[in-house]
Amino acid sequence: MSSAPTIGRIVHYRTYENERTAERCVPALVTQVLDRGEESLQFVGLAIHYPSGLMFDREVRHDENQDPATWHWPCVITEEDE
């Protein structure tokens, strides 16, 4: 998906791996879009929804390769994938 992030859109956030949890994707809500000139579509503020609670991050970088602590668009599931 190549559309621009906007406030209220649902994206996925790639978590860090630590001693308690494995690296994984969790849902996040875009709370702000940061204006950085050429990179304006790359950084957003997120409300990140973990199973144990809510976390906020004001500057999260976009990365479709899903590096830890970045956001990406949710995968599109087709009938062939089911």
Protein backbone atom coordinates (compact mmCIF):
# COMPACT_ATOMS: atom_id res chain seq x y z
CA MET A 1 0.00 0.00 0.00
CA SER A 2 1.45 3.35 -0.93
CA SER A 3 -1.14 5.79 0.40
CA ALA A 4 -0.19 8.47 2.89
CA PRO A 5 -0.81 7.91 6.59
CA THR A 6 -3.56 10.06 8.09
CA ILE A 7 -4.85 10.55 11.62
CA GLY A 8 -7.12 7.69 12.65
CA ARG A 9 -5.68 5.07 10.27
CA ILE A 10 -4.79 1.66 11.64
CA VAL A 11 -1.22 0.48 10.97
CA HIS A 12 0.99 -2.26 12.40
CA TYR A 13 3.88 -1.60 14.79
CA ARG A 14 6.85 -3.99 14.98
CA THR A 15 7.88 -4.45 18.60
CA TYR A 16 11.34 -5.04 20.01
CA GLU A 17 12.32 -8.48 21.21
CA ASN A 18 13.22 -8.52 24.88
CA GLU A 19 13.52 -11.00 27.77
CA ARG A 20 9.72 -11.17 28.20
CA THR A 21 8.36 -10.99 24.66
CA ALA A 22 9.19 -12.08 21.14
CA GLU A 23 9.37 -9.59 18.30
CA ARG A 24 5.90 -9.26 16.76
CA CYS A 25 3.42 -6.91 15.11
CA VAL A 26 0.71 -5.19 17.11
CA PRO A 27 -2.03 -2.79 15.93
CA ALA A 28 -1.50 0.95 16.27
CA LEU A 29 -3.61 4.03 15.61
CA VAL A 30 -2.03 7.04 13.87
CA THR A 31 -2.38 10.03 16.22
CA GLN A 32 -0.28 12.55 14.26
CA VAL A 33 1.56 12.86 10.96
CA LEU A 34 4.89 14.64 11.28
CA ASP A 35 5.95 17.17 8.66
CA ARG A 36 9.61 16.68 7.81
CA GLY A 37 9.84 18.06 4.30
CA GLU A 38 10.73 15.25 1.91
CA GLU A 39 10.27 12.65 4.67
CA SER A 40 6.83 13.93 5.71
CA LEU A 41 5.16 10.57 5.09
CA GLN A 42 7.80 8.57 6.93
CA PHE A 43 7.22 9.55 10.58
CA VAL A 44 3.99 9.39 12.60
CA GLY A 45 2.81 9.48 16.20
CA LEU A 46 1.13 6.25 17.31
CA ALA A 47 -1.13 4.88 20.02
CA ILE A 48 0.25 1.32 20.15
CA HIS A 49 -2.12 -1.39 21.38
CA TYR A 50 -0.27 -4.14 23.25
CA PRO A 51 -2.20 -7.07 24.77
CA SER A 52 -1.19 -5.74 28.20
CA GLY A 53 -2.05 -2.08 27.60
CA LEU A 54 -1.58 1.06 25.56
CA MET A 55 1.69 2.84 24.77
CA PHE A 56 2.25 6.12 22.92
CA ASP A 57 5.19 7.01 20.69
CA ARG A 58 5.40 10.45 19.09
CA GLU A 59 7.98 9.70 16.39
CA VAL A 60 7.83 6.33 14.66
CA ARG A 61 9.56 5.71 11.33
CA HIS A 62 7.86 3.89 8.45
CA ASP A 63 9.55 0.67 7.29
CA GLU A 64 7.85 -1.98 5.15
CA ASN A 65 10.82 -4.29 5.92
CA GLN A 66 9.54 -4.24 9.53
CA ASP A 67 12.62 -3.32 11.52
CA PRO A 68 11.88 -3.17 15.28
CA ALA A 69 10.15 0.01 16.55
CA THR A 70 8.80 0.96 13.11
CA TRP A 71 5.34 1.02 11.56
CA HIS A 72 4.11 -0.59 8.35
CA TRP A 73 0.83 -1.06 6.53
CA PRO A 74 -1.19 -4.17 7.47
CA CYS A 75 -0.81 -7.11 5.11
CA VAL A 76 -3.58 -7.59 2.57
CA ILE A 77 -5.12 -11.05 2.85
CA THR A 78 -6.56 -12.49 -0.34
CA GLU A 79 -8.71 -15.56 -0.86
CA GLU A 80 -5.59 -17.41 -2.08
CA ASP A 81 -3.93 -16.82 1.32
CA GLU A 82 -6.80 -18.41 3.27
